[in-house]
Amino acid sequence: MPLIMNIESRLPGCYVVTLNGRLDGTTCAGCDAKITSVLIPETKTLMFDMSNLDYISSMGLRIFIKTRKFIEGNGGGVHMINMQPQIERVFEIANLLGGMRLFAGIKEADEYFDAMRKKS
């Protein structure tokens, strides 16, 4: 199954990346290029909607590591939405969940970020 990907701007500096299918050696290059296109200094938040991501390889994990390093280096954060149990397990094994927020859905993520904006 190919990877179908969408990047949506939610607010200035905030994007939701939706991944559907498999993130593996065949699909990594295209995914990396699309994500890299929004890795600019103004980008502070990237949320990955993983509700339909069926599989992730070590090459796919590298994309998240690179993305997180860039975003956190700019004082921002990378967060996960709708993470499937098998994908969450891969992230746990790779010790990549620390410091990330996991949201059950986009509504929960929006409510969290709205509350954070009101505090600041």
Protein backbone atom coordinates (compact mmCIF):
# COMPACT_ATOMS: atom_id res chain seq x y z
CA MET A 1 0.00 0.00 0.00
CA PRO A 2 1.42 3.43 -0.89
CA LEU A 3 1.66 6.29 1.56
CA ILE A 4 -0.97 8.99 1.17
CA MET A 5 0.01 12.17 2.92
CA ASN A 6 -1.56 15.55 3.54
CA ILE A 7 -0.14 18.63 5.26
CA GLU A 8 -2.64 21.18 6.54
CA SER A 9 -1.82 24.55 8.09
CA ARG A 10 -3.95 24.97 11.23
CA LEU A 11 -2.55 28.30 12.42
CA PRO A 12 0.55 30.28 11.53
CA GLY A 13 3.47 28.05 12.47
CA CYS A 14 1.28 24.99 13.17
CA TYR A 15 0.73 22.09 10.78
CA VAL A 16 -1.10 18.77 10.88
CA VAL A 17 0.56 16.02 8.85
CA THR A 18 -1.84 13.16 8.06
CA LEU A 19 -0.26 9.84 7.13
CA ASN A 20 -2.24 6.98 5.56
CA GLY A 21 -0.65 3.67 4.59
CA ARG A 22 2.93 2.52 5.07
CA LEU A 23 5.97 4.64 5.88
CA ASP A 24 8.81 2.43 4.68
CA GLY A 25 11.86 2.42 2.43
CA THR A 26 9.70 2.90 -0.65
CA THR A 27 7.71 5.87 0.66
CA CYS A 28 10.21 7.64 2.95
CA ALA A 29 11.87 9.92 0.39
CA GLY A 30 8.59 11.52 -0.72
CA CYS A 31 7.36 11.88 2.86
CA ASP A 32 10.64 13.43 3.98
CA ALA A 33 10.61 15.95 1.12
CA LYS A 34 7.04 17.07 1.92
CA ILE A 35 7.72 17.45 5.63
CA THR A 36 11.00 19.27 4.97
CA SER A 37 9.04 21.82 2.92
CA VAL A 38 7.37 23.11 6.13
CA LEU A 39 10.48 22.95 8.34
CA ILE A 40 11.12 26.66 8.45
CA PRO A 41 12.06 28.75 11.50
CA GLU A 42 8.45 29.98 11.86
CA THR A 43 7.14 26.42 12.27
CA LYS A 44 6.71 25.78 15.98
CA THR A 45 4.22 22.90 16.08
CA LEU A 46 3.85 19.78 13.96
CA MET A 47 1.09 17.34 14.77
CA PHE A 48 1.12 13.95 13.08
CA ASP A 49 -2.30 12.33 12.59
CA MET A 50 -1.44 8.65 12.51
CA SER A 51 -4.94 7.17 12.60
CA ASN A 52 -4.39 5.35 9.30
CA LEU A 53 -0.65 4.72 9.41
CA ASP A 54 -0.38 0.93 9.27
CA TYR A 55 3.38 0.43 9.36
CA ILE A 56 6.57 2.37 10.02
CA SER A 57 10.13 1.23 9.31
CA SER A 58 13.37 2.47 10.84
CA MET A 59 13.72 4.79 7.84
CA GLY A 60 10.35 6.26 8.74
CA LEU A 61 11.46 6.76 12.33
CA ARG A 62 14.43 8.79 11.07
CA ILE A 63 12.00 11.30 9.56
CA PHE A 64 10.41 11.85 12.98
CA ILE A 65 13.82 12.17 14.66
CA LYS A 66 14.99 14.75 12.11
CA THR A 67 11.70 16.66 12.28
CA ARG A 68 11.65 16.69 16.06
CA LYS A 69 15.26 17.88 16.25
CA PHE A 70 14.48 20.80 13.94
CA ILE A 71 11.20 21.82 15.61
CA GLU A 72 12.51 21.52 19.17
CA GLY A 73 15.63 23.44 18.13
CA ASN A 74 13.28 26.30 17.25
CA GLY A 75 11.53 26.11 20.62
CA GLY A 76 8.54 24.16 19.35
CA GLY A 77 7.10 20.67 19.69
CA VAL A 78 6.09 17.58 17.74
CA HIS A 79 2.90 15.79 18.83
CA MET A 80 0.99 12.67 17.80
CA ILE A 81 -2.73 12.29 17.14
CA ASN A 82 -4.64 9.00 16.85
CA MET A 83 -1.51 6.85 17.17
CA GLN A 84 -2.30 3.20 16.40
CA PRO A 85 -1.17 0.69 19.07
CA GLN A 86 1.33 -1.07 16.80
CA ILE A 87 2.89 2.26 15.77
CA GLU A 88 2.97 3.51 19.36
CA ARG A 89 4.78 0.30 20.33
CA VAL A 90 7.48 0.94 17.69
CA PHE A 91 7.96 4.47 19.06
CA GLU A 92 8.14 3.09 22.62
CA ILE A 93 10.77 0.49 21.65
CA ALA A 94 12.80 3.21 19.91
CA ASN A 95 12.38 5.44 23.01
CA LEU A 96 10.94 8.30 20.93
CA LEU A 97 7.80 9.21 22.90
CA GLY A 98 9.47 11.20 25.67
CA GLY A 99 8.52 14.87 25.53
CA MET A 100 5.73 14.33 23.00
CA ARG A 101 2.06 14.73 23.71
CA LEU A 102 -0.23 11.99 22.44
CA PHE A 103 -3.78 13.07 21.62
CA ALA A 104 -6.76 10.79 21.00
CA GLY A 105 -8.04 13.07 18.24
CA ILE A 106 -7.68 16.42 16.52
CA LYS A 107 -10.42 17.94 18.71
CA GLU A 108 -8.47 17.06 21.86
CA ALA A 109 -5.30 18.56 20.35
CA ASP A 110 -7.12 21.75 19.33
CA GLU A 111 -8.59 22.14 22.83
CA TYR A 112 -5.16 21.68 24.41
CA PHE A 113 -3.49 24.25 22.17
CA ASP A 114 -6.38 26.73 22.60
CA ALA A 115 -5.96 26.45 26.38
CA MET A 116 -2.20 26.95 26.07
CA ARG A 117 -2.68 30.08 23.93
CA LYS A 118 -5.09 31.53 26.48
CA LYS A 119 -2.52 31.02 29.25
CA SER A 120 0.16 32.97 27.39
